[in-house]
Amino acid sequence: MMSPRYSLVIPAYNDASGLARTLRYFETCSAAVEILLVDDGSEDNTAEVVEQARLPASVTLEYHRQPHNQGPAAARNLGIENARADRLLFLDADDILTPNIFALLDQVDLRQDFILFKHHLATRKDQIHSYNMHLADRQFFSNLARGGYPAESLRLKDCPEAAGTVNFPWNKLYRRDFLLEQEIRFPDYRMHEDILFHWQCFLRCGDFAVLNWAPPLLTHFELPAAGRATHYVGEKRLAVVDLLAQVEDELLRHPDALSLEPVFAEFCEEIFTWMITTLKQDEAGNSWTQRYQDAAERFWSNSKIAPPEQPQDETGDEAW
């Protein structure tokens, strides 16, 4: 059996159609890839889709069925523990890889602990090449003056704004040994579990790289569909306060804390603003705006880091 060069960890939960499309990509893949598919207690035909997959000899598929739904954190941690390759990627079940992703990543020798790359952020199922990202990511890649070919090493003290990008795990290529050595795992939360993982990777890395020269390497979907975690409104969302507090505690002990504090403050404020202005009502019609506002105020009242200054309108009042 060919030793894999890449291990791809894919949590799957009731998205058989998206998974089928993702697996079709690998039918013509020549890269040495190991797919670690973690079925998180799906109730649809996910197992059937896996059984029907026809993959070339270069691609192996390891299917892990969770006895019950445990959330993406447990699924991704299972993948980290079982991966055989040192080049590690996380995907969502319906993510679409660009045809040349492995050819481009092969140009990087991965001396760094992880590599950040661009992506397409799609809001429709037929929108494969959106050339769009969230504002924080667009600004970061547009303003970055470094990131030379093939993978210029960066240190957090020289590029603290990198930690302020959106906390996605699937827009990075990780060195698995780095995650193991630094004991970085996804915490056991159902919401915002990738925030702590994201920040620990930056805070604990020796160096990282940014593929600023490369085109977007995958398409990620944020669809306005009920049932997706992105649109959940309710009690579980309040876990973000505890997770951000854990990040702050580690950040304040970091040697570059002073340069990271404003980046973290802006990161927190963007999350709270999104929750308050977007996630207003749960499925039963109950309003959560005030509770999310209270959670944000509680976080800042306990924080040792000052919140970012709010923009003001022409009257001198805060704009929100």
C-alpha atoms as a PDB file:
ATOM      1  CA  MET A   1       0.000   0.000   0.000  1.00  0.00           C
ATOM      2  CA  MET A   2       1.296   3.441  -0.966  1.00  0.00           C
ATOM      3  CA  SER A   3       2.189   5.642   2.001  1.00  0.00           C
ATOM      4  CA  PRO A   4      -0.027   8.727   1.954  1.00  0.00           C
ATOM      5  CA  ARG A   5       1.484  12.162   1.479  1.00  0.00           C
ATOM      6  CA  TYR A   6      -1.709  13.868   2.663  1.00  0.00           C
ATOM      7  CA  SER A   7      -4.278  12.913   5.285  1.00  0.00           C
ATOM      8  CA  LEU A   8      -7.684  14.549   4.863  1.00  0.00           C
ATOM      9  CA  VAL A   9     -10.004  14.524   7.878  1.00  0.00           C
ATOM     10  CA  ILE A  10     -13.683  14.858   6.939  1.00  0.00           C
ATOM     11  CA  PRO A  11     -16.445  14.884   9.575  1.00  0.00           C
ATOM     12  CA  ALA A  12     -19.775  13.943   7.994  1.00  0.00           C
ATOM     13  CA  TYR A  13     -23.258  14.308   9.404  1.00  0.00           C
ATOM     14  CA  ASN A  14     -26.393  13.895   7.282  1.00  0.00           C
ATOM     15  CA  ASP A  15     -24.871  15.387   4.136  1.00  0.00           C
ATOM     16  CA  ALA A  16     -24.683  12.396   1.831  1.00  0.00           C
ATOM     17  CA  SER A  17     -25.149  14.437  -1.347  1.00  0.00           C
ATOM     18  CA  GLY A  18     -22.356  16.867  -0.477  1.00  0.00           C
ATOM     19  CA  LEU A  19     -20.088  13.993   0.531  1.00  0.00           C
ATOM     20  CA  ALA A  20     -20.800  12.154  -2.727  1.00  0.00           C
ATOM     21  CA  ARG A  21     -19.678  15.197  -4.700  1.00  0.00           C
ATOM     22  CA  THR A  22     -16.521  15.506  -2.596  1.00  0.00           C
ATOM     23  CA  LEU A  23     -15.639  11.837  -3.057  1.00  0.00           C
ATOM     24  CA  ARG A  24     -16.172  12.081  -6.834  1.00  0.00           C
ATOM     25  CA  TYR A  25     -13.313  14.555  -6.905  1.00  0.00           C
ATOM     26  CA  PHE A  26     -10.930  11.836  -5.739  1.00  0.00           C
ATOM     27  CA  GLU A  27     -11.942   9.381  -8.481  1.00  0.00           C
ATOM     28  CA  THR A  28      -9.363  11.042 -10.751  1.00  0.00           C
ATOM     29  CA  CYS A  29      -6.893  12.096  -8.051  1.00  0.00           C
ATOM     30  CA  SER A  30      -3.307  10.934  -8.618  1.00  0.00           C
ATOM     31  CA  ALA A  31      -1.895  12.294  -5.346  1.00  0.00           C
ATOM     32  CA  ALA A  32      -1.138   9.876  -2.508  1.00  0.00           C
ATOM     33  CA  VAL A  33      -4.065  10.758  -0.245  1.00  0.00           C
ATOM     34  CA  GLU A  34      -5.591   9.172   2.821  1.00  0.00           C
ATOM     35  CA  ILE A  35      -9.201  10.158   3.544  1.00  0.00           C
ATOM     36  CA  LEU A  36     -10.258   9.757   7.155  1.00  0.00           C
ATOM     37  CA  LEU A  37     -14.035  10.011   6.975  1.00  0.00           C
ATOM     38  CA  VAL A  38     -15.715  10.241  10.373  1.00  0.00           C
ATOM     39  CA  ASP A  39     -19.442   9.571  10.139  1.00  0.00           C
ATOM     40  CA  ASP A  40     -20.802  11.409  13.153  1.00  0.00           C
ATOM     41  CA  GLY A  41     -23.943   9.322  13.599  1.00  0.00           C
ATOM     42  CA  SER A  42     -25.577  10.201  10.276  1.00  0.00           C
ATOM     43  CA  GLU A  43     -29.165   9.104   9.740  1.00  0.00           C
ATOM     44  CA  ASP A  44     -29.109   9.417   5.952  1.00  0.00           C
ATOM     45  CA  ASN A  45     -27.335   7.250   3.350  1.00  0.00           C
ATOM     46  CA  THR A  46     -23.809   8.436   4.157  1.00  0.00           C
ATOM     47  CA  ALA A  47     -22.593   4.852   4.691  1.00  0.00           C
ATOM     48  CA  GLU A  48     -23.981   3.857   1.285  1.00  0.00           C
ATOM     49  CA  VAL A  49     -22.182   6.761  -0.399  1.00  0.00           C
ATOM     50  CA  VAL A  50     -18.914   5.626   1.173  1.00  0.00           C
ATOM     51  CA  GLU A  51     -19.473   2.023   0.102  1.00  0.00           C
ATOM     52  CA  GLN A  52     -20.139   3.078  -3.488  1.00  0.00           C
ATOM     53  CA  ALA A  53     -17.048   5.287  -3.771  1.00  0.00           C
ATOM     54  CA  ARG A  54     -14.691   4.158  -6.534  1.00  0.00           C
ATOM     55  CA  LEU A  55     -11.251   5.474  -5.752  1.00  0.00           C
ATOM     56  CA  PRO A  56      -7.884   4.943  -7.481  1.00  0.00           C
ATOM     57  CA  ALA A  57      -5.024   3.046  -5.877  1.00  0.00           C
ATOM     58  CA  SER A  58      -3.385   6.310  -4.814  1.00  0.00           C
ATOM     59  CA  VAL A  59      -6.350   7.180  -2.559  1.00  0.00           C
ATOM     60  CA  THR A  60      -7.290   5.218   0.557  1.00  0.00           C
ATOM     61  CA  LEU A  61     -10.486   5.772   2.506  1.00  0.00           C
ATOM     62  CA  GLU A  62     -10.747   4.960   6.199  1.00  0.00           C
ATOM     63  CA  TYR A  63     -14.363   5.010   7.366  1.00  0.00           C
ATOM     64  CA  HIS A  64     -15.028   5.603  11.058  1.00  0.00           C
ATOM     65  CA  ARG A  65     -18.603   5.419  12.315  1.00  0.00           C
ATOM     66  CA  GLN A  66     -19.279   7.215  15.596  1.00  0.00           C
ATOM     67  CA  PRO A  67     -21.800   5.335  17.812  1.00  0.00           C
ATOM     68  CA  HIS A  68     -23.735   8.580  18.263  1.00  0.00           C
ATOM     69  CA  ASN A  69     -23.476  12.203  17.203  1.00  0.00           C
ATOM     70  CA  GLN A  70     -20.608  13.868  19.081  1.00  0.00           C
ATOM     71  CA  GLY A  71     -19.960  16.978  16.997  1.00  0.00           C
ATOM     72  CA  PRO A  72     -17.135  17.991  14.640  1.00  0.00           C
ATOM     73  CA  ALA A  73     -14.572  18.444  17.430  1.00  0.00           C
ATOM     74  CA  ALA A  74     -14.571  14.760  18.369  1.00  0.00           C
ATOM     75  CA  ALA A  75     -14.551  13.751  14.705  1.00  0.00           C
ATOM     76  CA  ARG A  76     -11.558  15.928  13.863  1.00  0.00           C
ATOM     77  CA  ASN A  77      -9.642  14.788  16.944  1.00  0.00           C
ATOM     78  CA  LEU A  78     -10.201  11.188  15.888  1.00  0.00           C
ATOM     79  CA  GLY A  79      -8.724  12.087  12.520  1.00  0.00           C
ATOM     80  CA  ILE A  80      -5.656  13.713  14.073  1.00  0.00           C
ATOM     81  CA  GLU A  81      -4.965  10.606  16.144  1.00  0.00           C
ATOM     82  CA  ASN A  82      -5.390   8.167  13.253  1.00  0.00           C
ATOM     83  CA  ALA A  83      -3.777  10.071  10.377  1.00  0.00           C
ATOM     84  CA  ARG A  84      -0.719   8.438   8.810  1.00  0.00           C
ATOM     85  CA  ALA A  85       0.610  11.372   6.779  1.00  0.00           C
ATOM     86  CA  ASP A  86       2.324  14.387   8.297  1.00  0.00           C
ATOM     87  CA  ARG A  87       0.528  16.735   5.882  1.00  0.00           C
ATOM     88  CA  LEU A  88      -2.916  17.195   7.378  1.00  0.00           C
ATOM     89  CA  LEU A  89      -5.991  18.901   5.942  1.00  0.00           C
ATOM     90  CA  PHE A  90      -9.443  19.304   7.463  1.00  0.00           C
ATOM     91  CA  LEU A  91     -12.476  19.438   5.178  1.00  0.00           C
ATOM     92  CA  ASP A  92     -16.200  19.747   5.622  1.00  0.00           C
ATOM     93  CA  ALA A  93     -18.180  17.038   3.872  1.00  0.00           C
ATOM     94  CA  ASP A  94     -19.352  19.331   1.058  1.00  0.00           C
ATOM     95  CA  ASP A  95     -16.126  21.286   0.473  1.00  0.00           C
ATOM     96  CA  ILE A  96     -14.831  21.220  -3.099  1.00  0.00           C
ATOM     97  CA  LEU A  97     -11.100  21.080  -3.769  1.00  0.00           C
ATOM     98  CA  THR A  98      -9.655  22.815  -6.801  1.00  0.00           C
ATOM     99  CA  PRO A  99      -8.169  20.439  -9.407  1.00  0.00           C
ATOM    100  CA  ASN A 100      -4.602  21.620  -8.773  1.00  0.00           C
ATOM    101  CA  ILE A 101      -4.584  21.820  -4.963  1.00  0.00           C
ATOM    102  CA  PHE A 102      -2.128  18.965  -4.433  1.00  0.00           C
ATOM    103  CA  ALA A 103       0.139  20.074  -7.293  1.00  0.00           C
ATOM    104  CA  LEU A 104       0.370  23.500  -5.670  1.00  0.00           C
ATOM    105  CA  LEU A 105       0.843  22.187  -2.133  1.00  0.00           C
ATOM    106  CA  ASP A 106       3.521  19.780  -3.390  1.00  0.00           C
ATOM    107  CA  GLN A 107       5.661  22.827  -4.186  1.00  0.00           C
ATOM    108  CA  VAL A 108       5.878  23.521  -0.446  1.00  0.00           C
ATOM    109  CA  ASP A 109       8.208  21.412   1.694  1.00  0.00           C
ATOM    110  CA  LEU A 110       6.239  22.263   4.877  1.00  0.00           C
ATOM    111  CA  ARG A 111       9.132  23.236   7.109  1.00  0.00           C
ATOM    112  CA  GLN A 112       6.638  25.470   8.903  1.00  0.00           C
ATOM    113  CA  ASP A 113       4.038  24.274  11.398  1.00  0.00           C
ATOM    114  CA  PHE A 114       1.119  25.176   9.140  1.00  0.00           C
ATOM    115  CA  ILE A 115       0.325  27.053   5.946  1.00  0.00           C
ATOM    116  CA  LEU A 116      -2.621  29.377   5.372  1.00  0.00           C
ATOM    117  CA  PHE A 117      -4.188  29.575   1.894  1.00  0.00           C
ATOM    118  CA  LYS A 118      -7.025  31.368   0.119  1.00  0.00           C
ATOM    119  CA  HIS A 119     -10.454  29.867  -0.504  1.00  0.00           C
ATOM    120  CA  HIS A 120     -13.731  30.539  -2.284  1.00  0.00           C
ATOM    121  CA  LEU A 121     -16.591  31.298   0.115  1.00  0.00           C
ATOM    122  CA  ALA A 122     -19.861  30.334  -1.580  1.00  0.00           C
ATOM    123  CA  THR A 123     -23.418  31.143  -0.514  1.00  0.00           C
ATOM    124  CA  ARG A 124     -25.131  29.114  -3.265  1.00  0.00           C
ATOM    125  CA  LYS A 125     -24.736  25.459  -4.211  1.00  0.00           C
ATOM    126  CA  ASP A 126     -23.903  26.382  -7.817  1.00  0.00           C
ATOM    127  CA  GLN A 127     -21.350  29.038  -6.829  1.00  0.00           C
ATOM    128  CA  ILE A 128     -18.077  27.144  -7.142  1.00  0.00           C
ATOM    129  CA  HIS A 129     -15.716  30.040  -7.868  1.00  0.00           C
ATOM    130  CA  SER A 130     -16.913  33.013  -5.848  1.00  0.00           C
ATOM    131  CA  TYR A 131     -13.502  34.699  -5.450  1.00  0.00           C
ATOM    132  CA  ASN A 132     -14.878  35.939  -2.165  1.00  0.00           C
ATOM    133  CA  MET A 133     -13.920  35.528   1.483  1.00  0.00           C
ATOM    134  CA  HIS A 134     -15.046  37.090   4.742  1.00  0.00           C
ATOM    135  CA  LEU A 135     -13.904  40.685   5.166  1.00  0.00           C
ATOM    136  CA  ALA A 136     -11.170  39.862   7.700  1.00  0.00           C
ATOM    137  CA  ASP A 137      -9.635  37.340   5.308  1.00  0.00           C
ATOM    138  CA  ARG A 138      -9.943  39.597   2.259  1.00  0.00           C
ATOM    139  CA  GLN A 139      -8.216  42.415   4.100  1.00  0.00           C
ATOM    140  CA  PHE A 140      -5.463  40.155   5.399  1.00  0.00           C
ATOM    141  CA  PHE A 141      -4.510  38.705   2.012  1.00  0.00           C
ATOM    142  CA  SER A 142      -4.852  42.095   0.274  1.00  0.00           C
ATOM    143  CA  ASN A 143      -2.646  43.905   2.779  1.00  0.00           C
ATOM    144  CA  LEU A 144      -0.016  41.200   3.236  1.00  0.00           C
ATOM    145  CA  ALA A 145       3.264  42.371   1.762  1.00  0.00           C
ATOM    146  CA  ARG A 146       4.981  39.047   2.442  1.00  0.00           C
ATOM    147  CA  GLY A 147       4.297  35.432   1.556  1.00  0.00           C
ATOM    148  CA  GLY A 148       6.829  34.824  -1.179  1.00  0.00           C
ATOM    149  CA  TYR A 149       6.996  31.702  -3.330  1.00  0.00           C
ATOM    150  CA  PRO A 150       6.883  28.886  -2.464  1.00  0.00           C
ATOM    151  CA  ALA A 151       6.368  29.382   1.289  1.00  0.00           C
ATOM    152  CA  GLU A 152       8.108  32.222   3.087  1.00  0.00           C
ATOM    153  CA  SER A 153       8.379  31.526   6.809  1.00  0.00           C
ATOM    154  CA  LEU A 154       6.635  34.054   9.047  1.00  0.00           C
ATOM    155  CA  ARG A 155       6.688  34.465  12.801  1.00  0.00           C
ATOM    156  CA  LEU A 156       3.729  35.676  14.781  1.00  0.00           C
ATOM    157  CA  LYS A 157       5.642  38.666  16.165  1.00  0.00           C
ATOM    158  CA  ASP A 158       6.219  39.886  12.593  1.00  0.00           C
ATOM    159  CA  CYS A 159       2.704  39.155  11.344  1.00  0.00           C
ATOM    160  CA  PRO A 160       0.264  39.238  14.306  1.00  0.00           C
ATOM    161  CA  GLU A 161      -2.654  40.137  12.039  1.00  0.00           C
ATOM    162  CA  ALA A 162      -2.620  36.586  10.655  1.00  0.00           C
ATOM    163  CA  ALA A 163      -4.223  35.380  13.884  1.00  0.00           C
ATOM    164  CA  GLY A 164      -7.131  37.734  13.215  1.00  0.00           C
ATOM    165  CA  THR A 165      -8.268  35.798  10.170  1.00  0.00           C
ATOM    166  CA  VAL A 166     -11.489  33.818  10.489  1.00  0.00           C
ATOM    167  CA  ASN A 167     -11.076  30.705  12.620  1.00  0.00           C
ATOM    168  CA  PHE A 168     -11.512  28.116   9.876  1.00  0.00           C
ATOM    169  CA  PRO A 169      -9.580  24.830  10.173  1.00  0.00           C
ATOM    170  CA  TRP A 170     -10.025  23.878   6.499  1.00  0.00           C
ATOM    171  CA  ASN A 171      -8.022  26.759   4.945  1.00  0.00           C
ATOM    172  CA  LYS A 172      -4.700  25.511   6.272  1.00  0.00           C
ATOM    173  CA  LEU A 173      -2.263  22.682   5.668  1.00  0.00           C
ATOM    174  CA  TYR A 174      -0.991  21.471   9.039  1.00  0.00           C
ATOM    175  CA  ARG A 175       2.081  19.539  10.011  1.00  0.00           C
ATOM    176  CA  ARG A 176       0.572  16.730  12.069  1.00  0.00           C
ATOM    177  CA  ASP A 177       3.619  16.391  14.314  1.00  0.00           C
ATOM    178  CA  PHE A 178       3.184  20.029  15.315  1.00  0.00           C
ATOM    179  CA  LEU A 179      -0.369  19.361  16.528  1.00  0.00           C
ATOM    180  CA  LEU A 180       0.777  16.276  18.434  1.00  0.00           C
ATOM    181  CA  GLU A 181       3.863  17.883  19.981  1.00  0.00           C
ATOM    182  CA  GLN A 182       1.960  20.990  21.068  1.00  0.00           C
ATOM    183  CA  GLU A 183      -1.046  18.937  22.236  1.00  0.00           C
ATOM    184  CA  ILE A 184      -3.447  20.987  20.134  1.00  0.00           C
ATOM    185  CA  ARG A 185      -6.898  19.463  19.782  1.00  0.00           C
ATOM    186  CA  PHE A 186     -10.429  20.699  19.262  1.00  0.00           C
ATOM    187  CA  PRO A 187     -12.173  21.282  22.619  1.00  0.00           C
ATOM    188  CA  ASP A 188     -15.359  19.398  23.457  1.00  0.00           C
ATOM    189  CA  TYR A 189     -17.834  22.105  22.478  1.00  0.00           C
ATOM    190  CA  ARG A 190     -20.686  21.967  19.965  1.00  0.00           C
ATOM    191  CA  MET A 191     -20.304  25.598  18.868  1.00  0.00           C
ATOM    192  CA  HIS A 192     -17.211  27.704  18.141  1.00  0.00           C
ATOM    193  CA  GLU A 193     -14.958  24.713  18.879  1.00  0.00           C
ATOM    194  CA  ASP A 194     -12.514  25.858  16.202  1.00  0.00           C
ATOM    195  CA  ILE A 195     -11.769  29.210  17.922  1.00  0.00           C
ATOM    196  CA  LEU A 196      -9.457  27.715  20.546  1.00  0.00           C
ATOM    197  CA  PHE A 197      -7.809  25.423  17.988  1.00  0.00           C
ATOM    198  CA  HIS A 198      -7.207  28.370  15.641  1.00  0.00           C
ATOM    199  CA  TRP A 199      -5.589  30.561  18.278  1.00  0.00           C
ATOM    200  CA  GLN A 200      -3.536  27.781  19.860  1.00  0.00           C
ATOM    201  CA  CYS A 201      -2.033  27.012  16.454  1.00  0.00           C
ATOM    202  CA  PHE A 202      -0.873  30.602  16.096  1.00  0.00           C
ATOM    203  CA  LEU A 203       0.199  31.041  19.722  1.00  0.00           C
ATOM    204  CA  ARG A 204       2.162  27.788  19.864  1.00  0.00           C
ATOM    205  CA  CYS A 205       3.738  27.695  16.409  1.00  0.00           C
ATOM    206  CA  GLY A 206       7.383  28.350  15.706  1.00  0.00           C
ATOM    207  CA  ASP A 207       6.599  29.750  12.293  1.00  0.00           C
ATOM    208  CA  PHE A 208       3.922  29.518   9.625  1.00  0.00           C
ATOM    209  CA  ALA A 209       3.528  30.451   5.973  1.00  0.00           C
ATOM    210  CA  VAL A 210       0.907  32.128   3.805  1.00  0.00           C
ATOM    211  CA  LEU A 211       0.368  31.083   0.178  1.00  0.00           C
ATOM    212  CA  ASN A 212      -0.421  34.604  -0.935  1.00  0.00           C
ATOM    213  CA  TRP A 213       0.760  33.838  -4.468  1.00  0.00           C
ATOM    214  CA  ALA A 214      -1.577  30.869  -4.964  1.00  0.00           C
ATOM    215  CA  PRO A 215      -5.198  31.008  -6.164  1.00  0.00           C
ATOM    216  CA  PRO A 216      -7.998  29.802  -3.860  1.00  0.00           C
ATOM    217  CA  LEU A 217      -7.486  26.085  -3.197  1.00  0.00           C
ATOM    218  CA  LEU A 218     -10.996  25.037  -2.184  1.00  0.00           C
ATOM    219  CA  THR A 219     -14.619  26.142  -2.094  1.00  0.00           C
ATOM    220  CA  HIS A 220     -16.427  26.259   1.223  1.00  0.00           C
ATOM    221  CA  PHE A 221     -20.193  26.670   1.403  1.00  0.00           C
ATOM    222  CA  GLU A 222     -22.055  28.856   3.869  1.00  0.00           C
ATOM    223  CA  LEU A 223     -25.595  28.172   2.741  1.00  0.00           C
ATOM    224  CA  PRO A 224     -28.662  29.841   4.291  1.00  0.00           C
ATOM    225  CA  ALA A 225     -30.150  26.469   5.207  1.00  0.00           C
ATOM    226  CA  ALA A 226     -31.829  25.501   8.445  1.00  0.00           C
ATOM    227  CA  GLY A 227     -29.968  22.978  10.544  1.00  0.00           C
ATOM    228  CA  ARG A 228     -26.460  24.163   9.688  1.00  0.00           C
ATOM    229  CA  ALA A 229     -24.334  25.051  12.701  1.00  0.00           C
ATOM    230  CA  THR A 230     -23.451  28.440  11.202  1.00  0.00           C
ATOM    231  CA  HIS A 231     -27.062  29.579  11.566  1.00  0.00           C
ATOM    232  CA  TYR A 232     -27.804  28.046  14.957  1.00  0.00           C
ATOM    233  CA  VAL A 233     -29.388  30.414  17.484  1.00  0.00           C
ATOM    234  CA  GLY A 234     -29.602  29.345  21.118  1.00  0.00           C
ATOM    235  CA  GLU A 235     -27.886  28.463  24.370  1.00  0.00           C
ATOM    236  CA  LYS A 236     -24.952  26.548  22.885  1.00  0.00           C
ATOM    237  CA  ARG A 237     -23.755  29.726  21.185  1.00  0.00           C
ATOM    238  CA  LEU A 238     -22.937  31.245  24.601  1.00  0.00           C
ATOM    239  CA  ALA A 239     -19.968  28.859  24.923  1.00  0.00           C
ATOM    240  CA  VAL A 240     -18.029  31.404  22.891  1.00  0.00           C
ATOM    241  CA  VAL A 241     -17.485  33.475  26.056  1.00  0.00           C
ATOM    242  CA  ASP A 242     -15.638  30.640  27.803  1.00  0.00           C
ATOM    243  CA  LEU A 243     -13.623  29.771  24.697  1.00  0.00           C
ATOM    244  CA  LEU A 244     -12.506  33.357  24.149  1.00  0.00           C
ATOM    245  CA  ALA A 245     -11.551  33.591  27.826  1.00  0.00           C
ATOM    246  CA  GLN A 246      -9.352  30.503  27.411  1.00  0.00           C
ATOM    247  CA  VAL A 247      -7.677  32.077  24.396  1.00  0.00           C
ATOM    248  CA  GLU A 248      -7.099  35.321  26.287  1.00  0.00           C
ATOM    249  CA  ASP A 249      -5.510  33.489  29.204  1.00  0.00           C
ATOM    250  CA  GLU A 250      -2.956  31.836  26.926  1.00  0.00           C
ATOM    251  CA  LEU A 251      -2.444  34.947  24.817  1.00  0.00           C
ATOM    252  CA  LEU A 252      -1.551  37.090  27.840  1.00  0.00           C
ATOM    253  CA  ARG A 253       1.254  34.656  28.674  1.00  0.00           C
ATOM    254  CA  HIS A 254       2.657  34.829  25.129  1.00  0.00           C
ATOM    255  CA  PRO A 255       5.904  36.820  24.672  1.00  0.00           C
ATOM    256  CA  ASP A 256       4.258  38.881  21.917  1.00  0.00           C
ATOM    257  CA  ALA A 257       1.082  39.604  23.870  1.00  0.00           C
ATOM    258  CA  LEU A 258       1.221  43.382  23.409  1.00  0.00           C
ATOM    259  CA  SER A 259       1.084  43.168  19.618  1.00  0.00           C
ATOM    260  CA  LEU A 260      -1.562  40.426  19.727  1.00  0.00           C
ATOM    261  CA  GLU A 261      -3.985  42.126  22.120  1.00  0.00           C
ATOM    262  CA  PRO A 262      -5.540  44.535  19.572  1.00  0.00           C
ATOM    263  CA  VAL A 263      -5.817  41.723  17.014  1.00  0.00           C
ATOM    264  CA  PHE A 264      -7.611  39.526  19.526  1.00  0.00           C
ATOM    265  CA  ALA A 265      -9.868  42.386  20.650  1.00  0.00           C
ATOM    266  CA  GLU A 266     -10.993  43.004  17.074  1.00  0.00           C
ATOM    267  CA  PHE A 267     -11.476  39.264  16.557  1.00  0.00           C
ATOM    268  CA  CYS A 268     -13.749  39.070  19.620  1.00  0.00           C
ATOM    269  CA  GLU A 269     -15.730  42.160  18.705  1.00  0.00           C
ATOM    270  CA  GLU A 270     -16.404  40.851  15.194  1.00  0.00           C
ATOM    271  CA  ILE A 271     -17.799  37.620  16.628  1.00  0.00           C
ATOM    272  CA  PHE A 272     -20.030  39.409  19.121  1.00  0.00           C
ATOM    273  CA  THR A 273     -21.268  41.889  16.516  1.00  0.00           C
ATOM    274  CA  TRP A 274     -22.117  39.034  14.151  1.00  0.00           C
ATOM    275  CA  MET A 275     -24.014  37.180  16.875  1.00  0.00           C
ATOM    276  CA  ILE A 276     -25.963  40.242  18.012  1.00  0.00           C
ATOM    277  CA  THR A 277     -26.880  41.576  14.577  1.00  0.00           C
ATOM    278  CA  THR A 278     -27.400  38.309  12.673  1.00  0.00           C
ATOM    279  CA  LEU A 279     -28.513  35.560  15.065  1.00  0.00           C
ATOM    280  CA  LYS A 280     -31.640  37.224  16.395  1.00  0.00           C
ATOM    281  CA  GLN A 281     -34.297  34.510  16.782  1.00  0.00           C
ATOM    282  CA  ASP A 282     -34.279  30.767  17.372  1.00  0.00           C
ATOM    283  CA  GLU A 283     -36.571  28.321  15.575  1.00  0.00           C
ATOM    284  CA  ALA A 284     -39.312  28.887  18.164  1.00  0.00           C
ATOM    285  CA  GLY A 285     -39.246  32.633  17.548  1.00  0.00           C
ATOM    286  CA  ASN A 286     -37.504  33.534  20.814  1.00  0.00           C
ATOM    287  CA  SER A 287     -35.235  36.566  20.664  1.00  0.00           C
ATOM    288  CA  TRP A 288     -31.587  36.078  21.661  1.00  0.00           C
ATOM    289  CA  THR A 289     -30.285  39.536  20.836  1.00  0.00           C
ATOM    290  CA  GLN A 290     -30.262  40.796  24.421  1.00  0.00           C
ATOM    291  CA  ARG A 291     -28.739  37.596  25.793  1.00  0.00           C
ATOM    292  CA  TYR A 292     -25.940  37.759  23.258  1.00  0.00           C
ATOM    293  CA  GLN A 293     -25.450  41.446  24.049  1.00  0.00           C
ATOM    294  CA  ASP A 294     -25.250  40.598  27.754  1.00  0.00           C
ATOM    295  CA  ALA A 295     -22.730  37.830  27.032  1.00  0.00           C
ATOM    296  CA  ALA A 296     -20.506  40.252  25.124  1.00  0.00           C
ATOM    297  CA  GLU A 297     -20.659  42.803  27.925  1.00  0.00           C
ATOM    298  CA  ARG A 298     -19.884  40.099  30.483  1.00  0.00           C
ATOM    299  CA  PHE A 299     -16.844  39.010  28.500  1.00  0.00           C
ATOM    300  CA  TRP A 300     -15.433  42.523  28.212  1.00  0.00           C
ATOM    301  CA  SER A 301     -16.103  43.302  31.874  1.00  0.00           C
ATOM    302  CA  ASN A 302     -13.966  40.303  32.870  1.00  0.00           C
ATOM    303  CA  SER A 303     -11.327  40.760  30.178  1.00  0.00           C
ATOM    304  CA  LYS A 304      -7.907  42.244  30.850  1.00  0.00           C
ATOM    305  CA  ILE A 305      -7.787  43.367  27.224  1.00  0.00           C
ATOM    306  CA  ALA A 306      -9.499  46.595  26.203  1.00  0.00           C
ATOM    307  CA  PRO A 307     -12.243  46.271  23.581  1.00  0.00           C
ATOM    308  CA  PRO A 308     -11.622  48.024  20.263  1.00  0.00           C
ATOM    309  CA  GLU A 309     -12.882  51.567  19.936  1.00  0.00           C
ATOM    310  CA  GLN A 310     -16.264  51.704  18.239  1.00  0.00           C
ATOM    311  CA  PRO A 311     -16.742  53.899  15.158  1.00  0.00           C
ATOM    312  CA  GLN A 312     -18.870  56.962  15.751  1.00  0.00           C
ATOM    313  CA  ASP A 313     -21.491  58.580  13.563  1.00  0.00           C
ATOM    314  CA  GLU A 314     -21.664  62.304  12.829  1.00  0.00           C
ATOM    315  CA  THR A 315     -23.470  63.015  16.124  1.00  0.00           C
ATOM    316  CA  GLY A 316     -20.647  61.473  18.115  1.00  0.00           C
ATOM    317  CA  ASP A 317     -22.701  58.434  19.108  1.00  0.00           C
ATOM    318  CA  GLU A 318     -21.442  54.908  18.568  1.00  0.00           C
ATOM    319  CA  ALA A 319     -22.487  53.627  15.152  1.00  0.00           C
ATOM    320  CA  TRP A 320     -23.841  50.415  16.710  1.00  0.00           C
END
